[in-house]
Amino acid sequence: MSKLKTEKEKKKYIKKADKHLQEEFAGKLKKLTFSEGRLLIKLIHRETGKTVYDLVKNLRGSWTAWFWQTVAKLFGSNLKKKYRPKSKDKLIENIILRIENNQI
């Protein structure tokens, strides 16, 4: 995206990418259980270094991020949740590392 020079080019690129992602993943994401959704929120933070809230805020704006955070809270989740591999998420990290090292 850094190669896109104008704001118009960036918006067009984001819109096209969004459409592609919606077509490919929307159905799968809608079928996630609550616990799978909470895990996905943590794994997105692990892979990007940014919370889902921050990603939505950067790509869609503050109001949209606030809206989806409110929806998440209603269902017992939190888009600002961070991945903590050395404490709370130690077991998840262990499993991921074992998968990455072909031990599982």
N, C-alpha and C. Protein backbone atom coordinates (compact mmCIF):
# COMPACT_ATOMS: atom_id res chain seq x y z
N MET A 1 0.80 -1.18 0.00
CA MET A 1 0.00 0.00 0.00
C MET A 1 0.86 1.26 0.00
N SER A 2 2.08 1.13 0.43
CA SER A 2 2.96 2.30 0.47
C SER A 2 3.29 2.80 -0.94
N LYS A 3 3.09 1.96 -1.96
CA LYS A 3 3.35 2.37 -3.33
C LYS A 3 2.21 3.21 -3.92
N LEU A 4 1.07 3.16 -3.26
CA LEU A 4 -0.07 3.94 -3.73
C LEU A 4 0.13 5.38 -3.30
N LYS A 5 0.04 6.28 -4.25
CA LYS A 5 0.42 7.67 -3.99
C LYS A 5 -0.72 8.54 -3.48
N THR A 6 -1.88 8.39 -4.07
CA THR A 6 -2.97 9.29 -3.67
C THR A 6 -3.94 8.57 -2.73
N GLU A 7 -4.70 9.37 -2.02
CA GLU A 7 -5.71 8.83 -1.11
C GLU A 7 -6.77 8.06 -1.90
N LYS A 8 -7.08 8.54 -3.10
CA LYS A 8 -8.06 7.88 -3.96
C LYS A 8 -7.59 6.48 -4.35
N GLU A 9 -6.30 6.35 -4.70
CA GLU A 9 -5.74 5.04 -5.04
C GLU A 9 -5.79 4.09 -3.85
N LYS A 10 -5.48 4.61 -2.67
CA LYS A 10 -5.51 3.79 -1.45
C LYS A 10 -6.92 3.30 -1.16
N LYS A 11 -7.90 4.19 -1.27
CA LYS A 11 -9.29 3.81 -1.00
C LYS A 11 -9.77 2.76 -2.00
N LYS A 12 -9.39 2.93 -3.26
CA LYS A 12 -9.78 1.98 -4.29
C LYS A 12 -9.17 0.61 -4.01
N TYR A 13 -7.91 0.59 -3.61
CA TYR A 13 -7.22 -0.65 -3.29
C TYR A 13 -7.88 -1.34 -2.09
N ILE A 14 -8.16 -0.57 -1.05
CA ILE A 14 -8.77 -1.13 0.16
C ILE A 14 -10.15 -1.69 -0.15
N LYS A 15 -10.91 -0.98 -0.96
CA LYS A 15 -12.25 -1.44 -1.32
C LYS A 15 -12.19 -2.75 -2.09
N LYS A 16 -11.24 -2.85 -3.02
CA LYS A 16 -11.08 -4.07 -3.81
C LYS A 16 -10.62 -5.23 -2.92
N ALA A 17 -9.66 -4.98 -2.04
CA ALA A 17 -9.18 -6.01 -1.13
C ALA A 17 -10.29 -6.45 -0.18
N ASP A 18 -11.07 -5.49 0.31
CA ASP A 18 -12.18 -5.79 1.22
C ASP A 18 -13.19 -6.70 0.54
N LYS A 19 -13.53 -6.39 -0.69
CA LYS A 19 -14.49 -7.21 -1.43
C LYS A 19 -13.97 -8.64 -1.59
N HIS A 20 -12.70 -8.76 -1.94
CA HIS A 20 -12.10 -10.09 -2.10
C HIS A 20 -12.12 -10.86 -0.77
N LEU A 21 -11.73 -10.21 0.31
CA LEU A 21 -11.71 -10.86 1.62
C LEU A 21 -13.12 -11.25 2.07
N GLN A 22 -14.09 -10.38 1.81
CA GLN A 22 -15.49 -10.69 2.17
C GLN A 22 -15.96 -11.94 1.43
N GLU A 23 -15.67 -12.01 0.14
CA GLU A 23 -16.09 -13.16 -0.66
C GLU A 23 -15.44 -14.44 -0.17
N GLU A 24 -14.18 -14.36 0.18
CA GLU A 24 -13.44 -15.56 0.56
C GLU A 24 -13.70 -16.01 2.00
N PHE A 25 -13.83 -15.08 2.93
CA PHE A 25 -13.85 -15.46 4.34
C PHE A 25 -15.14 -15.19 5.11
N ALA A 26 -16.04 -14.38 4.60
CA ALA A 26 -17.23 -14.00 5.37
C ALA A 26 -18.03 -15.21 5.84
N GLY A 27 -18.26 -16.14 4.96
CA GLY A 27 -19.03 -17.34 5.32
C GLY A 27 -18.37 -18.14 6.43
N LYS A 28 -17.06 -18.30 6.33
CA LYS A 28 -16.32 -19.06 7.35
C LYS A 28 -16.32 -18.34 8.69
N LEU A 29 -16.15 -17.03 8.66
CA LEU A 29 -16.12 -16.26 9.90
C LEU A 29 -17.47 -16.27 10.61
N LYS A 30 -18.54 -16.26 9.85
CA LYS A 30 -19.87 -16.28 10.45
C LYS A 30 -20.16 -17.60 11.15
N LYS A 31 -19.47 -18.65 10.77
CA LYS A 31 -19.69 -19.97 11.36
C LYS A 31 -18.83 -20.23 12.59
N LEU A 32 -17.95 -19.30 12.95
CA LEU A 32 -17.09 -19.50 14.11
C LEU A 32 -17.91 -19.53 15.40
N THR A 33 -17.48 -20.36 16.34
CA THR A 33 -18.08 -20.33 17.67
C THR A 33 -17.51 -19.12 18.40
N PHE A 34 -18.11 -18.78 19.56
CA PHE A 34 -17.61 -17.65 20.34
C PHE A 34 -16.16 -17.87 20.75
N SER A 35 -15.83 -19.08 21.19
CA SER A 35 -14.45 -19.35 21.63
C SER A 35 -13.48 -19.30 20.46
N GLU A 36 -13.89 -19.77 19.29
CA GLU A 36 -13.03 -19.68 18.10
C GLU A 36 -12.81 -18.23 17.71
N GLY A 37 -13.84 -17.41 17.83
CA GLY A 37 -13.72 -15.98 17.53
C GLY A 37 -12.75 -15.29 18.48
N ARG A 38 -12.84 -15.62 19.77
CA ARG A 38 -11.92 -15.03 20.75
C ARG A 38 -10.47 -15.44 20.46
N LEU A 39 -10.29 -16.70 20.07
CA LEU A 39 -8.95 -17.17 19.73
C LEU A 39 -8.44 -16.45 18.48
N LEU A 40 -9.29 -16.27 17.49
CA LEU A 40 -8.89 -15.57 16.27
C LEU A 40 -8.45 -14.14 16.58
N ILE A 41 -9.14 -13.47 17.49
CA ILE A 41 -8.76 -12.11 17.89
C ILE A 41 -7.34 -12.10 18.44
N LYS A 42 -7.01 -13.08 19.27
CA LYS A 42 -5.66 -13.15 19.84
C LYS A 42 -4.62 -13.49 18.77
N LEU A 43 -4.96 -14.42 17.88
CA LEU A 43 -4.00 -14.83 16.85
C LEU A 43 -3.73 -13.72 15.85
N ILE A 44 -4.73 -12.90 15.57
CA ILE A 44 -4.50 -11.75 14.69
C ILE A 44 -3.50 -10.81 15.33
N HIS A 45 -3.63 -10.58 16.64
CA HIS A 45 -2.66 -9.74 17.35
C HIS A 45 -1.27 -10.38 17.31
N ARG A 46 -1.21 -11.69 17.48
CA ARG A 46 0.08 -12.39 17.46
C ARG A 46 0.78 -12.19 16.12
N GLU A 47 0.04 -12.30 15.04
CA GLU A 47 0.63 -12.24 13.71
C GLU A 47 0.90 -10.83 13.21
N THR A 48 0.09 -9.87 13.63
CA THR A 48 0.24 -8.50 13.10
C THR A 48 0.88 -7.53 14.08
N GLY A 49 0.82 -7.87 15.37
CA GLY A 49 1.31 -6.94 16.39
C GLY A 49 0.33 -5.83 16.69
N LYS A 50 -0.86 -5.90 16.08
CA LYS A 50 -1.91 -4.90 16.30
C LYS A 50 -3.18 -5.61 16.73
N THR A 51 -3.95 -4.95 17.58
CA THR A 51 -5.23 -5.54 17.98
C THR A 51 -6.21 -5.43 16.82
N VAL A 52 -7.23 -6.26 16.86
CA VAL A 52 -8.28 -6.20 15.83
C VAL A 52 -8.93 -4.82 15.86
N TYR A 53 -9.12 -4.27 17.05
CA TYR A 53 -9.69 -2.93 17.18
C TYR A 53 -8.84 -1.91 16.41
N ASP A 54 -7.53 -1.95 16.61
CA ASP A 54 -6.64 -1.01 15.93
C ASP A 54 -6.67 -1.19 14.41
N LEU A 55 -6.72 -2.44 13.96
CA LEU A 55 -6.78 -2.70 12.53
C LEU A 55 -8.07 -2.15 11.92
N VAL A 56 -9.19 -2.40 12.59
CA VAL A 56 -10.47 -1.88 12.10
C VAL A 56 -10.45 -0.36 12.12
N LYS A 57 -9.92 0.22 13.19
CA LYS A 57 -9.86 1.67 13.31
C LYS A 57 -9.04 2.28 12.17
N ASN A 58 -7.90 1.67 11.86
CA ASN A 58 -7.03 2.19 10.80
C ASN A 58 -7.65 2.03 9.41
N LEU A 59 -8.36 0.93 9.20
CA LEU A 59 -8.91 0.64 7.87
C LEU A 59 -10.31 1.18 7.65
N ARG A 60 -11.12 1.24 8.71
CA ARG A 60 -12.52 1.62 8.56
C ARG A 60 -12.92 2.86 9.33
N GLY A 61 -12.07 3.29 10.27
CA GLY A 61 -12.39 4.50 11.02
C GLY A 61 -12.78 4.21 12.47
N SER A 62 -12.71 5.26 13.27
CA SER A 62 -12.97 5.15 14.71
C SER A 62 -14.39 4.72 15.03
N TRP A 63 -15.36 5.28 14.32
CA TRP A 63 -16.74 4.93 14.62
C TRP A 63 -17.01 3.45 14.38
N THR A 64 -16.53 2.93 13.25
CA THR A 64 -16.73 1.52 12.93
C THR A 64 -16.04 0.63 13.95
N ALA A 65 -14.83 1.00 14.35
CA ALA A 65 -14.10 0.23 15.36
C ALA A 65 -14.88 0.23 16.67
N TRP A 66 -15.39 1.39 17.06
CA TRP A 66 -16.18 1.49 18.30
C TRP A 66 -17.43 0.62 18.20
N PHE A 67 -18.11 0.65 17.06
CA PHE A 67 -19.33 -0.13 16.87
C PHE A 67 -19.06 -1.62 17.04
N TRP A 68 -18.02 -2.13 16.35
CA TRP A 68 -17.73 -3.57 16.43
C TRP A 68 -17.18 -3.97 17.79
N GLN A 69 -16.49 -3.07 18.45
CA GLN A 69 -16.04 -3.34 19.82
C GLN A 69 -17.26 -3.48 20.74
N THR A 70 -18.26 -2.64 20.54
CA THR A 70 -19.48 -2.70 21.34
C THR A 70 -20.22 -4.02 21.09
N VAL A 71 -20.31 -4.42 19.83
CA VAL A 71 -20.94 -5.70 19.50
C VAL A 71 -20.16 -6.85 20.14
N ALA A 72 -18.84 -6.81 20.03
CA ALA A 72 -18.01 -7.86 20.63
C ALA A 72 -18.24 -7.94 22.14
N LYS A 73 -18.28 -6.79 22.79
CA LYS A 73 -18.51 -6.75 24.24
C LYS A 73 -19.86 -7.37 24.62
N LEU A 74 -20.89 -7.13 23.80
CA LEU A 74 -22.21 -7.71 24.06
C LEU A 74 -22.15 -9.23 24.07
N PHE A 75 -21.23 -9.79 23.30
CA PHE A 75 -21.10 -11.24 23.21
C PHE A 75 -19.93 -11.77 24.03
N GLY A 76 -19.44 -10.96 24.97
CA GLY A 76 -18.40 -11.41 25.89
C GLY A 76 -17.01 -11.46 25.30
N SER A 77 -16.76 -10.68 24.28
CA SER A 77 -15.44 -10.66 23.66
C SER A 77 -14.88 -9.24 23.72
N ASN A 78 -13.66 -9.07 23.17
CA ASN A 78 -13.00 -7.78 23.24
C ASN A 78 -12.02 -7.67 22.07
N LEU A 79 -12.27 -6.74 21.16
CA LEU A 79 -11.40 -6.56 20.00
C LEU A 79 -10.06 -5.95 20.36
N LYS A 80 -9.92 -5.46 21.59
CA LYS A 80 -8.66 -4.88 22.05
C LYS A 80 -7.78 -5.90 22.76
N LYS A 81 -8.23 -7.15 22.78
CA LYS A 81 -7.52 -8.22 23.46
C LYS A 81 -6.16 -8.44 22.80
N LYS A 82 -5.13 -8.57 23.63
CA LYS A 82 -3.78 -8.80 23.14
C LYS A 82 -3.36 -10.24 23.40
N TYR A 83 -2.48 -10.72 22.56
CA TYR A 83 -1.92 -12.06 22.71
C TYR A 83 -0.77 -11.99 23.69
N ARG A 84 -0.79 -12.82 24.72
CA ARG A 84 0.24 -12.81 25.77
C ARG A 84 0.91 -14.19 25.85
N PRO A 85 1.92 -14.42 25.00
CA PRO A 85 2.53 -15.75 24.90
C PRO A 85 3.31 -16.19 26.14
N LYS A 86 3.69 -15.26 26.98
CA LYS A 86 4.48 -15.63 28.16
C LYS A 86 3.63 -15.82 29.41
N SER A 87 2.34 -15.49 29.33
CA SER A 87 1.49 -15.65 30.51
C SER A 87 0.18 -16.34 30.14
N LYS A 88 -0.87 -15.60 29.93
CA LYS A 88 -2.20 -16.15 29.69
C LYS A 88 -2.27 -17.12 28.51
N ASP A 89 -1.54 -16.83 27.46
CA ASP A 89 -1.63 -17.62 26.23
C ASP A 89 -0.44 -18.55 26.02
N LYS A 90 0.18 -18.94 27.11
CA LYS A 90 1.37 -19.80 27.05
C LYS A 90 1.06 -21.15 26.38
N LEU A 91 -0.07 -21.74 26.74
CA LEU A 91 -0.45 -23.03 26.16
C LEU A 91 -0.69 -22.91 24.65
N ILE A 92 -1.38 -21.86 24.25
CA ILE A 92 -1.63 -21.64 22.82
C ILE A 92 -0.31 -21.46 22.08
N GLU A 93 0.60 -20.68 22.65
CA GLU A 93 1.91 -20.45 22.03
C GLU A 93 2.67 -21.76 21.88
N ASN A 94 2.61 -22.59 22.92
CA ASN A 94 3.28 -23.89 22.88
C ASN A 94 2.74 -24.74 21.74
N ILE A 95 1.44 -24.78 21.58
CA ILE A 95 0.81 -25.56 20.50
C ILE A 95 1.22 -25.00 19.14
N ILE A 96 1.19 -23.69 18.99
CA ILE A 96 1.57 -23.06 17.71
C ILE A 96 3.02 -23.40 17.36
N LEU A 97 3.92 -23.28 18.33
CA LEU A 97 5.33 -23.58 18.08
C LEU A 97 5.53 -25.04 17.71
N ARG A 98 4.79 -25.93 18.35
CA ARG A 98 4.89 -27.35 18.01
C ARG A 98 4.39 -27.61 16.60
N ILE A 99 3.33 -26.93 16.20
CA ILE A 99 2.82 -27.08 14.83
C ILE A 99 3.85 -26.53 13.83
N GLU A 100 4.41 -25.36 14.12
CA GLU A 100 5.40 -24.75 13.23
C GLU A 100 6.65 -25.61 13.09
N ASN A 101 6.98 -26.36 14.13
CA ASN A 101 8.16 -27.23 14.10
C ASN A 101 7.82 -28.66 13.70
N ASN A 102 6.62 -28.85 13.14
CA ASN A 102 6.16 -30.17 12.67
C ASN A 102 6.20 -31.23 13.76
N GLN A 103 5.93 -30.85 14.98
CA GLN A 103 5.88 -31.80 16.08
C GLN A 103 4.46 -32.29 16.34
N ILE A 104 3.51 -31.64 15.71
CA ILE A 104 2.10 -32.07 15.81
C ILE A 104 1.59 -32.28 14.40
